[in-house]
Protein backbone atom coordinates (compact mmCIF):
# COMPACT_ATOMS: atom_id res chain seq x y z
CA MET A 1 42.10 85.38 72.39
CA TRP A 2 37.81 84.41 70.36
CA PHE A 3 34.31 83.97 66.94
CA LYS A 4 29.39 82.46 60.89
CA ARG A 5 27.37 81.28 58.61
CA VAL A 6 27.52 81.67 54.67
CA MET A 7 26.13 81.44 51.65
CA GLY A 8 26.60 78.48 49.60
CA ALA A 9 26.06 74.97 49.40
CA MET A 10 29.54 74.24 50.96
CA VAL A 11 28.42 75.61 54.31
CA ALA A 12 25.17 74.84 55.43
CA LEU A 13 25.49 75.07 58.98
CA THR A 14 22.81 76.33 61.49
CA VAL A 15 23.63 77.29 64.93
CA VAL A 16 21.40 79.21 67.45
CA LEU A 17 23.18 81.75 69.36
CA ALA A 18 21.89 84.36 71.57
CA ALA A 19 22.83 87.82 70.95
CA CYS A 20 21.14 90.60 72.68
CA THR A 21 21.17 94.30 73.06
CA ALA A 22 21.38 96.20 76.45
CA ASP A 23 18.22 97.88 77.53
CA THR A 24 19.57 101.34 78.42
CA GLY A 25 16.83 103.83 77.85
CA THR A 26 17.31 107.50 76.71
CA SER A 27 16.69 110.87 78.42
CA GLN A 28 13.14 112.25 78.08
CA GLU A 29 12.39 115.82 77.35
CA PRO A 30 10.40 117.58 80.08
CA SER A 31 6.83 118.15 79.34
CA GLY A 32 6.30 121.26 77.40
CA SER A 33 9.79 122.00 76.70
CA SER A 34 11.54 122.09 73.24
CA THR A 35 14.80 122.00 74.82
CA PRO A 36 16.45 118.83 75.66
CA SER A 37 17.36 118.72 79.78
CA VAL A 38 20.69 117.19 78.90
CA ALA A 39 23.00 118.05 76.15
CA PRO A 40 23.55 116.04 73.30
CA ALA A 41 26.01 113.32 74.30
CA GLU A 42 29.53 113.45 72.59
CA GLN A 43 29.45 110.11 70.70
CA VAL A 44 32.81 109.05 72.60
CA LEU A 45 32.82 105.21 73.59
CA ARG A 46 35.44 104.63 76.68
CA VAL A 47 36.49 101.06 76.95
CA ASP A 48 39.64 99.32 78.70
CA ILE A 49 41.64 96.94 76.72
CA GLY A 50 43.63 95.88 79.68
CA GLY A 51 47.16 96.89 78.81
CA GLU A 52 49.59 97.41 75.84
CA PRO A 53 48.44 95.23 72.79
CA PRO A 54 51.43 93.37 71.82
CA THR A 55 50.85 94.33 67.99
CA LEU A 56 48.57 95.77 66.04
CA ASP A 57 49.74 94.06 62.89
CA PRO A 58 46.69 92.07 62.06
CA THR A 59 48.99 89.14 60.56
CA ALA A 60 50.61 88.95 63.62
CA ALA A 61 47.81 89.47 66.28
CA THR A 62 46.94 86.33 68.40
CA ASP A 63 45.72 88.00 71.96
CA SER A 64 42.55 89.34 73.08
CA ALA A 65 43.66 92.85 73.69
CA SER A 66 45.31 93.16 69.83
CA ILE A 67 42.09 91.71 68.53
CA GLN A 68 39.79 94.08 70.42
CA VAL A 69 41.49 96.86 68.79
CA LEU A 70 41.63 95.41 65.23
CA ARG A 71 37.82 94.57 65.42
CA SER A 72 37.49 98.36 64.98
CA LEU A 73 40.59 98.94 62.65
CA THR A 74 40.40 96.27 60.17
CA TYR A 75 37.60 94.71 58.34
CA PRO A 76 37.83 91.31 56.38
CA LEU A 77 36.05 90.02 53.16
CA ALA A 78 33.25 88.20 55.26
CA TYR A 79 31.98 89.48 58.63
CA PHE A 80 28.81 88.81 60.67
CA ASP A 81 25.49 89.86 61.75
CA GLU A 82 24.04 90.40 65.14
CA ASP A 83 23.26 86.69 65.46
CA LEU A 84 26.60 85.42 64.05
CA ASN A 85 25.47 84.51 60.26
CA ILE A 86 27.96 85.11 58.03
CA VAL A 87 27.25 88.26 55.91
CA PRO A 88 28.99 90.33 53.24
CA GLY A 89 32.25 92.19 54.40
CA LEU A 90 34.67 93.78 52.15
CA ALA A 91 33.37 91.33 49.71
CA GLU A 92 29.91 91.83 48.16
CA SER A 93 29.45 88.22 47.58
CA TRP A 94 31.46 84.95 46.76
CA ASP A 95 31.03 81.91 44.63
CA VAL A 96 31.55 78.22 45.77
CA SER A 97 32.27 75.96 42.94
CA GLU A 98 30.86 72.75 42.78
CA ASP A 99 33.52 70.49 44.02
CA GLY A 100 34.23 73.03 46.91
CA GLN A 101 37.81 73.68 46.03
CA THR A 102 37.51 77.20 44.57
CA ILE A 103 36.04 80.41 46.39
CA THR A 104 35.71 83.48 44.20
CA PHE A 105 35.28 86.66 46.41
CA HIS A 106 33.73 89.91 44.45
CA LEU A 107 34.72 92.94 46.28
CA LYS A 108 32.54 95.95 46.89
CA SER A 109 32.89 98.81 44.61
CA ASP A 110 34.96 102.05 45.73
CA LEU A 111 36.64 100.38 48.77
CA LYS A 112 39.39 102.78 50.17
CA TYR A 113 42.05 102.58 52.96
CA SER A 114 42.01 105.43 56.10
CA ASN A 115 44.73 107.14 53.59
CA GLY A 116 42.34 107.20 50.67
CA ASP A 117 44.00 104.47 48.52
CA PRO A 118 41.80 102.03 46.77
CA ILE A 119 41.69 98.53 48.48
CA VAL A 120 42.22 95.88 45.48
CA ALA A 121 42.03 92.41 45.55
CA GLY A 122 46.03 92.32 44.85
CA ASP A 123 46.19 93.48 48.76
CA PHE A 124 44.49 90.37 49.81
CA VAL A 125 46.99 88.19 47.51
CA TYR A 126 49.72 90.02 49.40
CA SER A 127 48.34 89.80 52.78
CA TRP A 128 47.50 85.93 52.62
CA LYS A 129 51.37 85.40 51.58
CA ARG A 130 52.31 87.37 54.09
CA LEU A 131 50.36 85.32 56.74
CA ILE A 132 51.45 81.76 55.11
CA ASP A 133 55.16 82.93 54.60
CA PRO A 134 57.22 80.78 57.41
CA ARG A 135 59.77 84.24 57.28
CA THR A 136 56.96 85.90 58.88
CA ALA A 137 56.20 83.49 61.86
CA ALA A 138 52.66 84.33 61.96
CA GLY A 139 50.62 82.34 65.03
CA TYR A 140 47.57 82.36 62.78
CA SER A 141 49.49 80.86 59.70
CA TYR A 142 48.06 77.67 59.95
CA VAL A 143 44.55 79.15 58.96
CA MET A 144 46.04 79.16 55.58
CA ALA A 145 46.56 75.36 55.82
CA ASP A 146 43.83 74.31 53.27
CA VAL A 147 44.78 76.66 50.49
CA VAL A 148 46.92 75.07 47.81
CA GLY A 149 50.57 75.01 48.67
CA GLY A 150 49.67 76.04 52.37
CA SER A 151 50.49 72.94 53.92
CA GLU A 152 53.96 72.81 52.19
CA LEU A 153 54.81 76.30 53.55
CA LEU A 154 53.63 75.38 56.81
CA GLY A 155 56.24 72.78 56.89
CA ALA A 156 58.87 74.71 54.87
CA ASP A 157 62.44 75.60 56.20
CA PRO A 158 63.36 79.31 54.90
CA GLU A 159 67.01 78.12 55.63
CA VAL A 160 66.45 75.50 52.85
CA ASP A 161 63.75 75.74 50.75
CA ASP A 162 62.95 78.58 48.16
CA ILE A 163 60.10 80.35 49.65
CA ASP A 164 59.57 82.76 47.26
CA ALA A 165 58.70 80.02 44.70
CA MET A 166 56.61 78.43 47.07
CA LEU A 167 54.73 81.58 47.42
CA ASP A 168 54.22 82.01 43.83
CA ALA A 169 52.48 78.45 43.72
CA PHE A 170 50.30 79.44 46.99
CA GLY A 171 46.59 79.34 45.60
CA VAL A 172 45.37 82.92 45.81
CA SER A 173 45.17 85.23 42.65
CA ALA A 174 43.65 88.31 41.61
CA PRO A 175 42.65 88.20 38.16
CA ASP A 176 41.46 91.87 38.37
CA ASP A 177 41.08 94.57 41.17
CA SER A 178 37.61 93.37 42.38
CA THR A 179 38.03 89.43 42.01
CA PHE A 180 39.89 87.48 44.69
CA VAL A 181 40.22 83.59 44.18
CA VAL A 182 41.18 81.04 46.76
CA SER A 183 42.05 77.26 45.50
CA LEU A 184 41.65 74.96 48.07
CA ALA A 185 43.64 71.89 48.07
CA HIS A 186 40.33 69.77 48.98
CA ALA A 187 37.12 70.90 49.96
CA ALA A 188 36.72 72.61 53.42
CA SER A 189 33.23 73.49 54.34
CA TYR A 190 34.16 75.78 56.81
CA PHE A 191 36.83 77.97 54.89
CA VAL A 192 34.76 80.98 54.35
CA TYR A 193 34.76 81.49 58.24
CA ILE A 194 38.51 82.01 57.68
CA ALA A 195 37.51 84.95 55.39
CA THR A 196 36.03 86.40 58.88
CA LEU A 197 39.29 86.50 60.60
CA TRP A 198 41.42 89.68 61.54
CA VAL A 199 44.65 88.16 60.02
CA THR A 200 42.87 87.84 56.35
CA VAL A 201 42.34 91.28 56.01
CA PRO A 202 43.70 93.31 52.87
CA LEU A 203 47.06 94.95 53.56
CA GLN A 204 49.07 97.08 51.18
CA GLU A 205 52.69 96.14 50.69
CA SER A 206 53.87 99.89 50.23
CA TRP A 207 53.42 100.46 53.89
CA THR A 208 53.72 97.05 55.62
CA SER A 209 57.22 97.01 54.62
CA THR A 210 57.80 100.19 56.23
CA GLU A 211 57.03 99.49 59.84
CA GLY A 212 53.39 100.68 59.26
CA PHE A 213 52.03 98.95 62.22
CA THR A 214 54.18 100.76 64.72
CA GLU A 215 52.73 104.26 65.50
CA ALA A 216 49.32 105.84 65.02
CA GLU A 217 51.01 108.28 62.22
CA ASN A 218 51.95 105.21 60.25
CA TYR A 219 48.81 103.27 60.66
CA VAL A 220 46.53 102.90 57.45
CA SER A 221 43.29 100.82 58.27
CA SER A 222 40.72 98.93 56.37
CA GLY A 223 37.75 99.10 58.92
CA PRO A 224 35.24 101.86 60.07
CA MET A 225 37.48 103.30 62.54
CA LYS A 226 40.92 104.83 62.21
CA LEU A 227 43.85 104.93 64.58
CA THR A 228 44.80 108.69 65.70
CA THR A 229 46.52 108.21 69.25
CA TRP A 230 48.73 105.81 70.44
CA GLU A 231 50.18 106.44 73.56
CA HIS A 232 52.28 103.26 74.56
CA ASN A 233 50.88 101.44 77.79
CA ALA A 234 48.61 104.51 78.17
CA GLN A 235 45.78 104.88 75.78
CA ILE A 236 44.88 104.14 71.99
CA VAL A 237 42.33 106.54 70.41
CA LEU A 238 40.44 105.29 67.38
CA GLU A 239 38.22 108.02 65.45
CA ALA A 240 35.77 107.44 62.65
CA ASN A 241 37.36 106.50 59.34
CA GLU A 242 35.94 109.01 56.83
CA ASN A 243 36.88 106.97 53.92
CA TRP A 244 34.76 103.82 55.08
CA SER A 245 32.29 102.79 52.73
CA ALA A 246 31.82 99.04 52.98
CA GLY A 247 28.98 99.24 55.60
CA PRO A 248 27.03 101.90 57.50
CA ALA A 249 29.07 104.82 58.45
CA PRO A 250 30.14 104.79 62.14
CA THR A 251 27.95 106.29 65.02
CA LEU A 252 30.81 106.70 67.27
CA GLU A 253 32.98 109.84 66.61
CA ARG A 254 35.78 108.06 68.64
CA ILE A 255 36.85 105.11 71.03
CA GLU A 256 38.99 105.87 73.77
CA MET A 257 40.76 102.90 74.73
CA ALA A 258 42.36 102.61 78.20
CA MET A 259 45.48 100.28 79.43
CA ILE A 260 44.55 99.28 82.62
CA ALA A 261 46.39 96.38 83.95
CA ASP A 262 44.97 96.27 87.53
CA PRO A 263 41.47 94.79 87.18
CA ALA A 264 40.49 96.45 90.34
CA ALA A 265 41.34 99.78 89.16
CA SER A 266 39.77 99.24 85.63
CA LEU A 267 36.47 98.59 87.78
CA GLY A 268 37.05 101.72 90.08
CA ALA A 269 37.38 103.58 86.83
CA TYR A 270 33.96 102.11 85.75
CA GLU A 271 32.32 103.27 88.81
CA THR A 272 33.63 107.01 88.51
CA ASP A 273 32.44 107.12 85.06
CA ASP A 274 35.59 107.10 83.22
CA LEU A 275 34.49 103.96 81.40
CA ASP A 276 31.68 103.40 79.59
CA ILE A 277 31.91 99.29 79.59
CA GLY A 278 33.42 97.57 82.86
CA SER A 279 34.63 93.91 83.66
CA VAL A 280 34.29 92.61 87.06
CA PRO A 281 37.28 90.71 88.99
CA SER A 282 35.76 87.87 90.46
CA GLN A 283 36.19 88.94 94.10
CA ASP A 284 33.96 91.94 93.33
CA VAL A 285 30.80 89.87 91.54
CA ALA A 286 28.86 89.26 95.06
CA ARG A 287 29.43 93.11 95.54
CA VAL A 288 28.55 94.13 92.53
CA GLN A 289 25.26 91.69 92.68
CA GLU A 290 24.39 93.56 95.79
CA ASP A 291 24.67 96.82 94.91
CA PRO A 292 21.34 98.44 94.22
CA GLU A 293 22.72 100.64 91.38
CA LEU A 294 25.62 98.51 89.94
CA SER A 295 23.24 95.36 89.87
CA GLN A 296 21.00 97.15 87.40
CA GLU A 297 24.07 97.72 84.86
CA VAL A 298 25.22 93.98 84.69
CA LEU A 299 24.58 92.44 81.46
CA GLN A 300 25.04 88.67 81.50
CA GLY A 301 25.07 85.94 78.94
CA THR A 302 27.02 83.01 77.46
CA VAL A 303 30.58 82.94 75.60
CA LEU A 304 31.71 80.23 73.64
CA SER A 305 35.16 80.25 75.47
CA ILE A 306 37.42 78.24 77.99
CA TYR A 307 39.55 78.97 80.45
CA TYR A 308 42.28 76.41 80.95
CA PHE A 309 45.94 75.20 82.14
CA GLY A 310 48.45 73.52 79.28
CA PHE A 311 51.11 71.25 80.52
CA ASP A 312 54.68 71.62 78.49
CA LEU A 313 54.84 68.98 76.33
CA LYS A 314 57.70 70.64 74.08
CA ASP A 315 60.14 69.53 76.46
CA PRO A 316 60.58 65.80 75.87
CA ASN A 317 62.60 65.36 79.47
CA GLY A 318 59.71 67.04 81.24
CA PRO A 319 58.02 65.18 83.62
CA PHE A 320 54.54 66.11 82.19
CA ALA A 321 55.96 64.96 78.55
CA GLN A 322 57.08 61.70 79.77
CA SER A 323 53.95 60.74 81.87
CA LEU A 324 50.24 60.35 81.09
CA ASN A 325 49.67 59.21 84.63
CA LEU A 326 51.25 62.73 86.11
CA ARG A 327 48.90 64.81 83.65
CA LYS A 328 45.93 62.80 84.85
CA ALA A 329 46.86 63.12 88.38
CA PHE A 330 47.02 67.03 88.17
CA THR A 331 44.02 66.98 86.33
CA GLU A 332 41.66 64.82 88.64
CA ALA A 333 43.02 66.69 91.86
CA ILE A 334 41.21 70.02 90.94
CA ASP A 335 37.59 70.32 92.21
CA ARG A 336 36.54 72.55 89.45
CA GLU A 337 33.01 73.03 90.83
CA THR A 338 34.39 74.76 93.86
CA MET A 339 37.17 76.68 92.06
CA ILE A 340 34.36 78.34 89.98
CA THR A 341 32.43 79.27 93.17
CA VAL A 342 35.63 80.48 95.03
CA ALA A 343 37.78 81.84 92.30
CA PHE A 344 35.57 83.24 89.62
CA GLY A 345 32.58 84.33 91.57
CA GLY A 346 30.35 81.66 90.73
CA ILE A 347 30.33 83.06 86.85
CA GLY A 348 30.85 80.06 84.33
CA THR A 349 30.29 76.50 84.28
CA VAL A 350 32.80 73.52 84.44
CA ALA A 351 34.79 72.86 81.11
CA TYR A 352 34.88 69.34 80.74
CA SER A 353 36.05 69.26 76.92
CA LEU A 354 37.26 71.71 74.64
CA VAL A 355 34.30 72.44 72.29
CA PRO A 356 31.99 74.57 74.61
CA PRO A 357 28.23 74.46 74.93
CA GLY A 358 26.29 76.36 72.31
CA MET A 359 28.51 75.21 69.49
CA PRO A 360 27.97 72.35 67.15
CA GLY A 361 30.11 69.49 68.30
CA TYR A 362 29.78 69.92 71.98
CA GLN A 363 29.86 66.63 74.23
CA ASP A 364 28.41 66.67 77.50
CA THR A 365 30.50 63.65 78.62
CA LYS A 366 32.45 64.45 82.11
CA PHE A 367 35.71 63.56 80.64
CA TRP A 368 37.72 64.21 83.61
CA GLU A 369 35.83 64.64 87.27
CA TYR A 370 37.58 65.83 90.53
CA ASN A 371 38.66 62.25 92.21
CA LEU A 372 40.95 62.61 94.91
CA GLU A 373 41.72 59.04 95.48
CA GLN A 374 42.21 58.38 91.71
CA ALA A 375 44.57 61.31 91.43
CA GLN A 376 46.70 60.21 94.27
CA ALA A 377 46.76 56.77 92.63
CA ASP A 378 47.80 58.22 89.26
CA PHE A 379 50.25 60.45 90.90
CA ALA A 380 52.17 57.41 92.53
CA ALA A 381 52.14 55.46 89.11
CA GLY A 382 53.70 58.62 87.60
CA LEU A 383 56.35 58.83 89.75
CA SER A 384 57.09 55.17 89.75
CA GLU A 385 57.49 55.10 85.86
CA LEU A 386 59.67 57.90 85.98
CA GLY A 387 61.83 56.73 88.76
CA ILE A 388 61.41 59.84 91.08
CA THR A 389 60.03 60.77 94.02
CA ALA A 390 57.54 63.73 95.18
CA ALA A 391 60.71 65.85 96.26
CA ASP A 392 62.18 65.63 92.87
CA LEU A 393 59.43 67.68 91.45
CA HIS A 394 60.24 71.12 90.92
CA LEU A 395 57.48 72.70 89.21
CA GLN A 396 56.25 76.18 88.18
CA ILE A 397 52.96 77.11 86.88
CA GLY A 398 52.83 80.32 84.78
CA PHE A 399 50.35 83.06 84.09
CA ASN A 400 50.04 86.92 82.93
CA ALA A 401 50.25 89.07 85.71
CA ASP A 402 47.80 91.90 86.75
CA SER A 403 44.81 90.04 84.97
CA ASN A 404 42.94 88.55 87.94
CA HIS A 405 44.44 84.94 87.57
CA GLU A 406 46.25 85.12 90.90
CA ASN A 407 43.34 83.49 92.98
CA LYS A 408 42.76 80.80 90.23
CA VAL A 409 46.48 80.00 90.39
CA GLU A 410 46.59 79.94 94.45
CA PHE A 411 43.45 77.32 94.42
CA MET A 412 45.11 74.91 92.36
CA GLN A 413 48.41 75.10 94.11
CA GLY A 414 46.22 74.41 97.10
CA GLN A 415 44.58 71.40 95.32
CA TRP A 416 47.93 70.20 94.45
CA SER A 417 49.60 70.51 97.68
CA THR A 418 46.80 68.65 99.37
CA ALA A 419 46.36 66.34 97.18
CA PHE A 420 50.31 65.40 96.39
CA GLY A 421 52.29 67.26 99.06
CA VAL A 422 54.05 69.42 96.24
CA THR A 423 54.68 72.89 96.09
CA VAL A 424 54.23 74.16 92.48
CA GLU A 425 56.19 77.45 92.24
CA PRO A 426 53.97 80.64 90.52
CA VAL A 427 55.65 82.83 87.91
CA SER A 428 53.88 85.95 86.52
CA LEU A 429 55.07 88.09 83.58
CA GLU A 430 53.53 91.05 81.98
CA TRP A 431 51.09 89.77 78.73
CA GLY A 432 53.51 90.40 75.83
CA ALA A 433 56.59 88.58 77.51
CA TYR A 434 54.34 85.71 78.65
CA LEU A 435 53.28 84.85 75.20
CA SER A 436 56.87 85.08 73.74
CA ARG A 437 57.76 82.73 76.97
CA LEU A 438 54.92 80.64 75.93
CA SER A 439 55.83 80.08 72.20
CA GLU A 440 59.58 79.67 73.11
CA ASP A 441 59.85 77.83 76.47
CA PRO A 442 56.53 77.11 78.29
CA PHE A 443 56.24 76.56 82.07
CA ASP A 444 55.74 73.25 83.33
CA ILE A 445 52.04 74.40 83.90
CA PHE A 446 50.66 77.55 82.14
CA ARG A 447 47.49 79.56 82.17
CA LEU A 448 45.75 80.37 78.78
CA GLY A 449 42.27 80.94 77.62
CA TRP A 450 40.47 80.76 74.05
CA GLY A 451 37.46 82.26 72.69
CA ALA A 452 35.60 81.41 69.20
CA ASP A 453 36.98 83.13 66.32
CA TYR A 454 34.26 81.43 64.65
CA PRO A 455 31.60 78.87 66.04
CA HIS A 456 32.39 75.36 64.45
CA PRO A 457 34.40 72.47 66.27
CA ASN A 458 37.34 73.28 63.78
CA ASN A 459 38.32 76.32 65.81
CA PHE A 460 38.39 74.49 69.09
CA LEU A 461 40.20 71.45 67.80
CA THR A 462 42.21 72.05 64.77
CA ASP A 463 43.17 75.59 65.43
CA LEU A 464 43.90 75.04 69.44
CA ILE A 465 45.34 71.58 69.55
CA SER A 466 46.43 70.16 66.09
CA CYS A 467 50.24 69.53 65.49
CA SER A 468 50.81 72.41 63.32
CA SER A 469 48.83 74.93 65.23
CA GLY A 470 50.56 78.16 66.28
CA ASN A 471 48.18 78.50 69.04
CA ASN A 472 49.05 75.01 70.30
CA ASN A 473 51.46 76.41 73.35
CA GLY A 474 52.17 73.13 75.05
CA GLY A 475 53.26 71.23 71.80
CA TYR A 476 50.76 68.71 72.29
CA CYS A 477 50.68 66.49 68.72
CA ASN A 478 48.72 63.13 67.93
CA GLU A 479 48.77 62.25 64.41
CA GLU A 480 45.69 60.25 64.86
CA VAL A 481 44.03 63.32 66.07
CA ASP A 482 45.04 65.53 63.32
CA ALA A 483 44.01 62.58 60.93
CA LEU A 484 40.35 62.72 62.13
CA LEU A 485 40.35 66.50 62.00
CA ALA A 486 41.51 66.46 58.47
CA GLU A 487 38.79 64.09 57.50
CA ALA A 488 36.23 65.99 59.29
CA ALA A 489 37.38 69.12 57.22
CA VAL A 490 36.53 67.75 53.81
CA LYS A 491 33.00 66.39 55.16
CA ALA A 492 29.94 68.75 53.25
CA THR A 493 27.83 68.65 55.97
CA LEU A 494 28.28 69.27 59.52
CA ASP A 495 26.29 66.18 60.29
CA GLU A 496 29.16 64.27 58.54
CA GLN A 497 31.68 66.48 60.45
CA VAL A 498 30.51 66.40 63.82
CA PRO A 499 31.25 62.43 64.75
CA LEU A 500 34.90 62.65 63.39
CA TYR A 501 35.09 65.94 65.53
CA ASN A 502 33.72 64.08 68.55
CA GLN A 503 36.49 61.23 68.08
CA ALA A 504 39.14 63.53 67.91
CA GLN A 505 37.95 65.39 70.67
CA GLU A 506 37.79 62.28 72.91
CA GLN A 507 41.16 61.14 72.15
CA VAL A 508 42.71 64.55 72.95
CA MET A 509 40.72 64.46 76.26
CA ALA A 510 41.82 60.99 77.13
CA ASP A 511 45.62 62.35 76.37
CA ALA A 512 44.94 65.03 78.90
CA PRO A 513 47.37 67.71 77.29
CA ILE A 514 45.57 70.60 79.30
CA ILE A 515 43.20 71.15 82.23
CA THR A 516 40.10 72.63 80.88
CA ILE A 517 38.74 74.68 83.94
CA ARG A 518 35.80 77.11 83.18
CA ASN A 519 33.16 77.73 79.83
CA GLY A 520 33.00 81.61 79.93
CA ALA A 521 29.87 83.57 80.96
CA ARG A 522 29.21 87.19 80.41
CA PHE A 523 29.37 89.23 83.52
CA THR A 524 29.96 93.07 82.35
CA LEU A 525 29.01 96.46 83.35
CA ILE A 526 27.30 98.53 81.10
CA LYS A 527 26.48 102.30 81.78
CA PRO A 528 22.94 103.28 81.07
CA TRP A 529 23.68 105.73 78.34
CA VAL A 530 25.37 103.27 76.27
CA GLN A 531 23.06 102.29 73.37
CA ASN A 532 22.59 99.73 70.65
CA LEU A 533 25.57 97.88 72.26
CA VAL A 534 25.16 94.06 70.43
CA PRO A 535 26.84 91.54 72.53
CA THR A 536 27.83 88.00 70.75
CA SER A 537 28.37 84.88 72.42
CA GLN A 538 31.75 85.24 70.50
CA ASP A 539 33.07 88.16 71.96
CA SER A 540 36.10 88.38 73.95
CA SER A 541 35.07 91.83 74.94
CA THR A 542 31.37 92.57 75.55
CA GLY A 543 30.21 94.06 72.27
CA GLU A 544 33.65 94.36 70.23
CA LEU A 545 32.39 93.23 66.83
CA PHE A 546 30.29 96.31 66.52
CA TYR A 547 31.77 98.90 68.54
CA SER A 548 31.72 101.46 65.71
CA TRP A 549 27.87 101.46 65.71
CA ILE A 550 27.44 101.96 69.24
CA THR A 551 25.72 105.26 70.28
CA ILE A 552 25.79 107.29 73.50
CA ALA A 553 22.27 109.03 74.66
CA PRO A 554 22.38 112.06 76.70
CA HIS A 555 23.57 111.82 80.24
CA GLU A 556 24.96 113.89 83.13
CA MET A 557 28.43 113.17 84.50
């Protein structure tokens, strides 16, 4: 799913990240005329989220489609500016204690939800406890691990432990309606980043307990937009929230979010002016680059993300869980340079590790390179240690359907067939069903991507690959890695943290639990009338952090 800097000595992290604004221009009046040549534009942005979001419950959301919607519907304590520096969100300011273990957030005055009810500090207490409650089973619950009582709740068994008593001891409190206090079990230099996440936004217990996230008429939002229409598997419509007061008023009247599962159909909708922002399937990149009009509407840039395939390590009897040599072989057999050219239209760069370029802790080491001879040797060694032959391998590779992944999977199938003479069966599922399958019983090999929730190596290591992470779909667990990550978390400065994160990454890559394929790159189509678009390297969908403040210039349809 994906994305920074904060006040206070605890977080003295500086990252240079490029954020650019699309140069779209505006319509001009004809000379001598006091009447515009084109009528004022309706302030409506039309985008595609690719399919039905699995949930709009902020606590439960883990995928890019849901998060794309929630970025406009909800608002956290802290947010980002255009350069991804952390700035006040619903909190006006915050204080970090000298020992780094207490963070006190001071809310802005007169905050309201879309239903007119006041936003109070107690709503954060409820929301954060709901996130960590093991009965909720939230995928991002692990981000609360540093809070007093958090690690105990993450390891609790609802069938055995007194969860309510444990929640009473959880380190969040509201001394008054405008003050929210977080007590940490130890200093965690990145923790204010956690307060920028959609999973930490305020929630009212009165409506979350009555299925408040299921339909537009039930939904109460804390962000600049409100949910007015939810036609399932068809369209979501957001409108400006008249009760919004935490920042500048939205410039958009409405955001219309289509759910077009077929990437080719989505591009077609852009070309017929039914979408204002369009993604480009890899097979259409060359055509777009050569088109005299479309090529002028392309916005490119770096993205802090990786595209990868994981191995199923949850099943202890599975071939990849039993054999590092097999994992190495299947990794070494992939020619990723050629794959990016052939399957990604040449957009992006080879990902040799988890932490992407442009982020602190990036290592330019090529941990695994394409090496067919070594792959075949490791494959033979893996079969030997398992006491099987290639014919005994009955493998499946899973991916989410209708999202332009077929050609990537086909490329990898071909590489493994050539290298080892094995057939890996492709299986595709609708996005929601796919996520459910991964959480319960992953395919032998499965496709996923990860984009930055915040630009810190913790987000690509602890949040993706640690033993307790809800996003660790493959089940990889190395206690030595977790110990290094825990040690890094308590270091006060980035200079002290990075060597530990590097050691952790080196061990992860040596264990080969995933095949890192590609670091992302932006290749997005933007209509000329879309103005004040602010893309950042953290976006999973271009401009999503600041949709509400886009303006639509006059234009003819």
